[in-house]
Protein backbone atom coordinates (compact mmCIF):
# COMPACT_ATOMS: atom_id res chain seq x y z
CA UNK A 1 97.78 151.70 170.41
CA UNK A 2 94.44 152.67 168.87
CA UNK A 3 94.19 154.24 165.40
CA UNK A 4 91.74 154.69 162.55
CA UNK A 5 91.87 153.63 158.93
CA UNK A 6 95.57 154.24 158.69
CA UNK A 7 96.31 152.93 155.23
CA UNK A 8 95.36 150.39 152.63
CA UNK A 9 98.25 148.14 153.64
CA UNK A 10 96.31 147.26 156.75
CA UNK A 11 93.84 145.38 154.55
CA UNK A 12 96.45 142.79 153.60
CA UNK A 13 96.96 139.66 155.63
CA UNK A 14 95.05 136.76 157.09
CA UNK A 15 91.87 136.54 159.13
CA UNK A 16 92.36 134.96 162.56
CA UNK A 17 88.91 135.01 164.14
CA UNK A 18 85.85 137.19 164.63
CA UNK A 19 84.49 138.32 167.98
CA UNK A 20 81.49 140.62 168.59
CA UNK A 21 81.53 141.48 164.89
CA UNK A 22 85.22 142.51 165.01
CA UNK A 23 87.51 140.77 162.52
CA UNK A 24 90.97 140.11 163.99
CA UNK A 25 93.61 139.94 161.25
CA UNK A 26 97.34 139.40 160.91
CA UNK A 27 99.24 141.63 158.51
CA UNK A 28 102.09 140.03 156.56
CA UNK A 29 104.61 142.24 158.39
CA UNK A 30 103.53 140.68 161.72
CA UNK A 31 105.52 137.54 160.94
CA UNK A 32 108.74 139.58 161.08
CA UNK A 33 108.22 140.67 164.68
CA UNK A 34 106.81 137.24 165.64
CA UNK A 35 110.00 135.47 164.58
CA UNK A 36 112.21 138.19 166.06
CA UNK A 37 110.54 137.81 169.46
CA UNK A 38 110.58 134.01 169.19
CA UNK A 39 114.28 133.99 168.27
CA UNK A 40 115.30 136.45 171.00
CA UNK A 41 113.51 134.42 173.68
CA UNK A 42 114.53 130.96 172.46
CA UNK A 43 118.14 131.73 171.55
CA UNK A 44 118.90 134.41 174.13
CA UNK A 45 116.63 135.01 177.11
CA UNK A 46 115.77 131.46 178.18
CA UNK A 47 119.27 129.94 177.59
CA UNK A 48 120.74 132.73 179.77
CA UNK A 49 118.11 132.18 182.47
CA UNK A 50 118.32 128.37 182.47
CA UNK A 51 121.55 127.04 180.95
CA UNK A 52 121.98 123.35 180.22
CA UNK A 53 118.58 122.60 178.65
CA UNK A 54 117.98 121.21 175.17
CA UNK A 55 117.38 123.47 172.15
CA UNK A 56 113.89 121.98 171.72
CA UNK A 57 113.04 122.92 175.30
CA UNK A 58 114.15 126.54 174.75
CA UNK A 59 112.23 126.87 171.46
CA UNK A 60 109.07 125.38 172.92
CA UNK A 61 109.25 127.76 175.87
CA UNK A 62 109.94 130.66 173.52
CA UNK A 63 106.93 129.71 171.37
CA UNK A 64 104.61 129.62 174.41
CA UNK A 65 105.87 133.01 175.63
CA UNK A 66 105.63 134.57 172.15
CA UNK A 67 102.06 133.36 171.63
CA UNK A 68 101.04 134.70 175.05
CA UNK A 69 102.71 138.00 174.23
CA UNK A 70 100.64 138.38 171.08
CA UNK A 71 97.56 137.32 173.01
CA UNK A 72 98.38 140.30 175.26
CA UNK A 73 98.51 142.63 172.24
CA UNK A 74 95.13 141.35 171.00
CA UNK A 75 93.66 141.74 174.51
CA UNK A 76 94.96 145.33 174.57
CA UNK A 77 93.30 146.15 171.24
CA UNK A 78 90.06 144.37 172.11
CA UNK A 79 89.84 146.50 175.24
CA UNK A 80 89.86 149.62 173.04
CA UNK A 81 87.32 148.05 170.73
CA UNK A 82 84.83 146.85 173.34
CA UNK A 83 84.96 150.25 175.03
CA UNK A 84 84.32 151.95 171.69
CA UNK A 85 81.36 149.65 171.05
CA UNK A 86 79.81 150.87 174.32
CA UNK A 87 79.75 154.37 172.80
CA UNK A 88 78.12 153.16 169.58
CA UNK A 89 81.34 153.21 167.51
CA UNK A 90 81.67 150.20 165.22
CA UNK A 91 85.01 148.39 164.94
CA UNK A 92 85.32 146.59 161.59
CA UNK A 93 88.68 145.01 162.35
CA UNK A 94 91.82 144.76 164.45
CA UNK A 95 95.08 144.18 162.60
CA UNK A 96 98.32 142.88 164.11
CA UNK A 97 101.37 144.13 162.24
CA UNK A 98 105.08 144.69 162.75
CA UNK A 99 104.73 147.57 165.23
CA UNK A 100 101.92 146.07 167.31
CA UNK A 101 98.19 146.34 166.74
CA UNK A 102 95.65 148.76 165.30
CA UNK A 103 91.92 148.93 166.01
CA UNK A 104 90.14 150.41 162.99
CA UNK A 105 87.35 152.62 164.33
CA UNK A 106 84.51 153.50 161.96
CA UNK A 107 84.35 157.07 163.28
CA UNK A 108 85.82 159.49 165.80
CA UNK A 109 84.60 159.55 169.39
CA UNK A 110 81.78 162.04 169.84
CA UNK A 111 82.93 163.58 173.13
CA UNK A 112 86.20 164.13 175.02
CA UNK A 113 84.93 161.78 177.73
CA UNK A 114 84.37 158.86 175.37
CA UNK A 115 87.73 159.51 173.68
CA UNK A 116 89.43 159.41 177.10
CA UNK A 117 87.75 156.15 178.13
CA UNK A 118 88.51 154.42 174.81
CA UNK A 119 92.16 155.51 175.00
CA UNK A 120 92.85 154.45 178.61
CA UNK A 121 91.16 151.06 178.16
CA UNK A 122 94.24 149.67 176.37
CA UNK A 123 96.94 150.52 178.92
CA UNK A 124 94.65 149.53 181.81
CA UNK A 125 94.12 146.13 180.18
CA UNK A 126 97.89 145.67 179.84
CA UNK A 127 98.40 146.49 183.53
CA UNK A 128 95.59 144.08 184.38
CA UNK A 129 97.31 141.29 182.42
CA UNK A 130 100.61 142.13 184.11
CA UNK A 131 98.88 141.58 187.46
CA UNK A 132 97.37 138.26 186.32
CA UNK A 133 100.71 137.00 185.03
CA UNK A 134 102.40 138.14 188.26
CA UNK A 135 100.00 135.91 190.21
CA UNK A 136 100.93 132.97 187.96
CA UNK A 137 104.62 133.85 188.35
CA UNK A 138 104.27 133.75 192.14
CA UNK A 139 102.39 130.44 192.04
CA UNK A 140 104.94 128.76 189.73
CA UNK A 141 107.73 130.01 192.00
CA UNK A 142 106.12 128.33 195.01
CA UNK A 143 105.49 125.17 192.99
CA UNK A 144 109.15 125.25 191.85
CA UNK A 145 108.46 125.23 188.11
CA UNK A 146 111.37 127.45 187.00
CA UNK A 147 110.68 127.64 183.26
CA UNK A 148 107.00 128.54 183.77
CA UNK A 149 108.17 131.08 186.33
CA UNK A 150 110.48 132.62 183.70
CA UNK A 151 107.75 132.69 181.04
CA UNK A 152 105.28 134.46 183.34
CA UNK A 153 108.03 136.80 184.54
CA UNK A 154 108.67 137.85 180.94
CA UNK A 155 104.94 138.39 180.38
CA UNK A 156 104.69 140.58 183.49
CA UNK A 157 107.54 142.74 182.21
CA UNK A 158 106.32 142.93 178.59
CA UNK A 159 102.76 143.91 179.57
CA UNK A 160 104.04 146.59 181.93
CA UNK A 161 106.27 147.87 179.12
CA UNK A 162 103.36 147.78 176.65
CA UNK A 163 101.12 149.74 179.00
CA UNK A 164 103.77 152.33 179.93
CA UNK A 165 104.95 152.86 176.34
CA UNK A 166 101.41 153.42 175.10
CA UNK A 167 100.86 156.02 177.84
CA UNK A 168 103.58 158.26 176.40
CA UNK A 169 101.77 161.56 175.60
CA UNK A 170 102.25 161.53 171.84
CA UNK A 171 99.45 160.97 169.33
CA UNK A 172 98.61 158.31 168.06
CA UNK A 173 99.75 156.40 171.16
CA UNK A 174 97.07 155.89 173.78
CA UNK A 175 98.70 158.53 175.96
CA UNK A 176 98.50 160.93 173.02
CA UNK A 177 94.81 160.20 172.67
CA UNK A 178 94.35 160.85 176.38
CA UNK A 179 96.18 164.16 175.90
CA UNK A 180 93.94 164.93 172.92
CA UNK A 181 90.83 164.19 175.01
CA UNK A 182 92.00 166.58 177.75
CA UNK A 183 92.88 169.32 175.23
CA UNK A 184 89.56 168.75 173.46
CA UNK A 185 87.73 169.17 176.76
CA UNK A 186 89.75 172.31 177.55
CA UNK A 187 89.50 174.02 174.14
CA UNK A 188 86.24 172.60 172.80
CA UNK A 189 87.95 171.99 169.44
CA UNK A 190 88.79 168.48 168.24
CA UNK A 191 90.87 169.85 165.36
CA UNK A 192 92.99 172.06 167.63
CA UNK A 193 93.40 169.27 170.19
CA UNK A 194 94.45 166.82 167.47
CA UNK A 195 96.97 169.34 166.07
CA UNK A 196 98.62 169.84 169.45
CA UNK A 197 98.62 166.13 170.34
CA UNK A 198 99.97 165.34 166.87
CA UNK A 199 102.80 167.86 167.31
CA UNK A 200 103.73 166.24 170.64
CA UNK A 201 103.62 162.85 168.92
CA UNK A 202 105.96 164.02 166.16
CA UNK A 203 108.32 165.44 168.78
CA UNK A 204 108.31 162.11 170.62
CA UNK A 205 108.98 160.31 167.33
CA UNK A 206 111.99 162.53 166.61
CA UNK A 207 113.30 161.88 170.14
CA UNK A 208 113.03 158.12 169.56
CA UNK A 209 114.94 158.42 166.27
CA UNK A 210 117.70 160.46 167.94
CA UNK A 211 117.91 157.92 170.77
CA UNK A 212 118.11 155.14 168.17
CA UNK A 213 120.97 156.91 166.38
CA UNK A 214 122.86 157.29 169.69
CA UNK A 215 122.40 153.58 170.38
CA UNK A 216 123.82 152.72 166.95
CA UNK A 217 126.89 154.87 167.66
CA UNK A 218 127.21 153.05 171.00
CA UNK A 219 127.32 149.71 169.17
CA UNK A 220 123.71 148.63 169.75
CA UNK A 221 122.79 148.32 166.06
CA UNK A 222 119.57 146.26 166.25
CA UNK A 223 118.06 148.19 169.17
CA UNK A 224 118.99 151.52 167.57
CA UNK A 225 117.49 150.63 164.19
CA UNK A 226 114.33 149.42 165.90
CA UNK A 227 113.88 152.76 167.70
CA UNK A 228 114.47 154.65 164.45
CA UNK A 229 111.85 152.56 162.61
CA UNK A 230 109.33 153.03 165.43
CA UNK A 231 110.03 156.78 165.45
CA UNK A 232 109.55 157.03 161.69
CA UNK A 233 106.31 155.10 161.90
CA UNK A 234 104.93 157.18 164.79
CA UNK A 235 105.84 160.43 163.03
CA UNK A 236 103.99 159.42 159.88
CA UNK A 237 100.92 158.22 161.75
CA UNK A 238 100.84 161.34 163.95
CA UNK A 239 100.74 163.56 160.87
CA UNK A 240 98.25 161.25 159.16
CA UNK A 241 95.96 161.32 162.21
CA UNK A 242 95.76 165.11 162.10
CA UNK A 243 95.14 165.17 158.36
CA UNK A 244 92.38 162.57 158.77
CA UNK A 245 90.56 164.71 161.33
CA UNK A 246 90.80 167.75 159.06
CA UNK A 247 89.42 165.74 156.13
CA UNK A 248 86.54 164.48 158.27
CA UNK A 249 85.65 167.96 159.42
CA UNK A 250 85.79 169.29 155.85
CA UNK A 251 83.44 166.57 154.58
CA UNK A 252 81.22 165.91 157.60
CA UNK A 253 78.53 168.46 156.80
CA UNK A 254 78.49 167.95 153.02
CA UNK A 255 75.63 165.69 151.84
CA UNK A 256 76.29 163.15 149.10
CA UNK A 257 73.73 164.78 146.79
CA UNK A 258 75.98 167.87 146.43
CA UNK A 259 78.89 165.89 144.99
CA UNK A 260 77.19 163.00 143.18
CA UNK A 261 77.30 162.57 139.41
CA UNK A 262 73.74 163.05 138.17
CA UNK A 263 74.27 162.54 134.42
CA UNK A 264 75.70 159.05 134.69
CA UNK A 265 77.22 157.21 131.75
CA UNK A 266 75.61 153.76 131.93
CA UNK A 267 76.19 150.45 130.19
CA UNK A 268 73.72 147.69 129.34
CA UNK A 269 73.80 144.34 131.11
CA UNK A 270 73.45 142.70 127.65
CA UNK A 271 76.64 144.33 126.36
CA UNK A 272 79.70 142.10 125.92
CA UNK A 273 82.75 142.63 128.09
CA UNK A 274 84.70 143.44 124.92
CA UNK A 275 82.32 146.31 124.11
CA UNK A 276 82.56 147.53 127.69
CA UNK A 277 86.35 147.67 127.52
CA UNK A 278 86.69 149.24 124.05
CA UNK A 279 83.68 151.56 123.97
CA UNK A 280 83.54 152.65 127.60
CA UNK A 281 86.54 151.89 129.85
CA UNK A 282 89.12 152.97 127.24
CA UNK A 283 86.98 155.72 125.69
CA UNK A 284 85.83 157.53 128.84
CA UNK A 285 88.75 156.69 131.13
CA UNK A 286 86.42 155.79 134.00
CA UNK A 287 87.13 152.64 136.00
CA UNK A 288 83.49 151.72 136.56
CA UNK A 289 79.95 152.26 135.29
CA UNK A 290 76.38 151.73 136.48
CA UNK A 291 74.71 148.83 134.64
CA UNK A 292 71.15 149.06 133.33
CA UNK A 293 68.57 146.40 132.57
CA UNK A 294 65.00 147.03 131.39
CA UNK A 295 65.51 150.76 131.84
CA UNK A 296 66.63 150.51 135.48
CA UNK A 297 70.03 150.50 137.19
CA UNK A 298 70.65 146.91 138.29
CA UNK A 299 74.31 146.88 139.24
CA UNK A 300 77.84 148.28 138.93
CA UNK A 301 80.68 146.95 136.79
CA UNK A 302 84.29 148.04 137.20
CA UNK A 303 87.75 147.33 135.83
CA UNK A 304 88.34 144.89 138.69
CA UNK A 305 85.61 142.55 137.42
CA UNK A 306 86.89 142.32 133.84
CA UNK A 307 90.67 142.77 133.98
CA UNK A 308 91.41 139.04 134.28
CA UNK A 309 89.06 137.88 131.49
CA UNK A 310 91.02 136.69 128.44
CA UNK A 311 90.37 138.29 125.03
CA UNK A 312 88.55 135.28 123.58
CA UNK A 313 86.09 135.17 126.47
CA UNK A 314 85.51 138.93 126.40
CA UNK A 315 83.39 138.53 123.27
CA UNK A 316 81.17 135.85 124.83
CA UNK A 317 80.69 137.05 128.40
CA UNK A 318 78.01 139.66 129.06
CA UNK A 319 78.38 142.55 131.49
CA UNK A 320 75.39 141.21 133.45
CA UNK A 321 77.36 138.06 134.23
CA UNK A 322 80.27 139.84 135.91
CA UNK A 323 78.66 142.97 137.40
CA UNK A 324 77.98 143.43 141.12
CA UNK A 325 74.24 143.38 141.73
CA UNK A 326 72.73 146.56 143.14
CA UNK A 327 72.24 146.19 146.90
CA UNK A 328 73.00 147.65 150.30
CA UNK A 329 76.75 147.13 149.83
CA UNK A 330 77.02 149.48 146.82
CA UNK A 331 74.29 152.06 147.45
CA UNK A 332 74.06 155.09 149.71
CA UNK A 333 71.29 157.53 150.62
CA UNK A 334 71.56 161.04 149.14
CA UNK A 335 71.22 162.55 152.63
CA UNK A 336 74.36 160.79 153.91
CA UNK A 337 77.43 162.92 154.49
CA UNK A 338 80.54 162.41 152.39
CA UNK A 339 82.29 161.01 155.47
CA UNK A 340 79.62 158.31 155.80
CA UNK A 341 79.93 157.53 152.10
CA UNK A 342 83.71 157.16 152.35
CA UNK A 343 83.33 154.94 155.41
CA UNK A 344 81.00 152.68 153.43
CA UNK A 345 83.41 152.59 150.48
CA UNK A 346 86.22 151.62 152.83
CA UNK A 347 84.17 148.95 154.60
CA UNK A 348 82.92 147.42 151.32
CA UNK A 349 86.18 147.80 149.40
CA UNK A 350 84.40 149.82 146.71
CA UNK A 351 85.45 152.96 144.83
CA UNK A 352 81.91 153.97 143.75
CA UNK A 353 78.38 153.89 145.13
CA UNK A 354 74.98 154.42 143.54
CA UNK A 355 73.11 157.25 145.27
CA UNK A 356 69.45 156.60 146.08
CA UNK A 357 66.63 158.91 147.05
CA UNK A 358 63.30 157.40 148.11
CA UNK A 359 64.63 154.02 146.95
CA UNK A 360 65.24 155.41 143.45
CA UNK A 361 68.78 155.70 141.95
CA UNK A 362 69.51 159.39 141.29
CA UNK A 363 73.28 159.49 140.80
CA UNK A 364 76.67 158.00 141.59
CA UNK A 365 79.51 159.01 143.89
CA UNK A 366 83.14 157.94 143.42
CA UNK A 367 86.16 158.04 145.68
CA UNK A 368 88.06 159.96 142.99
CA UNK A 369 85.27 162.54 142.86
CA UNK A 370 85.35 163.05 146.62
CA UNK A 371 89.14 163.52 146.58
CA UNK A 372 88.83 166.03 143.72
CA UNK A 373 86.08 167.90 145.63
CA UNK A 374 88.30 168.05 148.72
CA UNK A 375 91.29 169.36 146.75
CA UNK A 376 89.21 172.12 145.13
CA UNK A 377 87.68 173.05 148.48
CA UNK A 378 91.11 173.33 150.11
CA UNK A 379 92.42 175.54 147.30
CA UNK A 380 89.40 177.85 147.54
CA UNK A 381 89.60 178.05 151.35
CA UNK A 382 93.23 179.20 151.14
């Protein structure tokens, strides 16, 4: 499944590796599904397939199969990502979490055709892996290696299931993105196509939750709860995907200079952290300020940089010692759109950027200010 900037929780976790500039991460919730799959294979599937083996043998086989399964999920997401890169869309990271994987795209596809190709890349990669594992399954059968045959047989089935499930026509599943691409091509409107695909996705989510409830009544508690959780997740992401597109379209054409704060409240780099807290953070209620030195803006200081400094040290430490130096990571051109500014904030983990024009600081933009602008715009448009 491919999705974009779904929530801040996706930023938690551990970095695995980096490939082609894409950071592959594991969310904390991933460990839940990892151990569930490992347990179900080691304590259920393999003992039923090959009774009479030792517990260590079953758990080793289960570990190999589980690791290859998650390799399959990463391969699926990388297929989305590499296809997106071909269309000039940057992919900051891929995150594995309890419900699978998410590729975080920096922007929407520009055309229905590119959206279609990015979406189908994932399921096609899963079917490709199913074919590769089927070849290994056939070879291990001829070589009479039964446990390897069972491992590859499981991987054939799970990759087929992964590909087929993601082709269901409900946004944000890959099939829903394919549907959105077709509707986009037909109507010429990304917003309308996303709305319809999102509605189908929410309908699919409700169907999964109903099916899960029926399974619980039939005595299949774990399977039923799992379907309900997946349905709840898909419903929330389907609605969030539509809202994200609407926000992008509302902000896409608005340049940063129209929303930036021109009359900035600044602090001196020679000021103590104690003065910053008492005379600025608490007085103004802002969480960050531009920092000046020799009459020029030289950095940004925020609550995050000072909140862990003890009271005794606050008197001794200067703002210039803890501020973030002004650079590419915390500046933005005044001609950028608000969407580009928000993307940079998200990528850099920052809530404010200094706005520059002809290399000269002319204002500041904050995430709170953009949200407030969007709320006012929505009210006025109603």
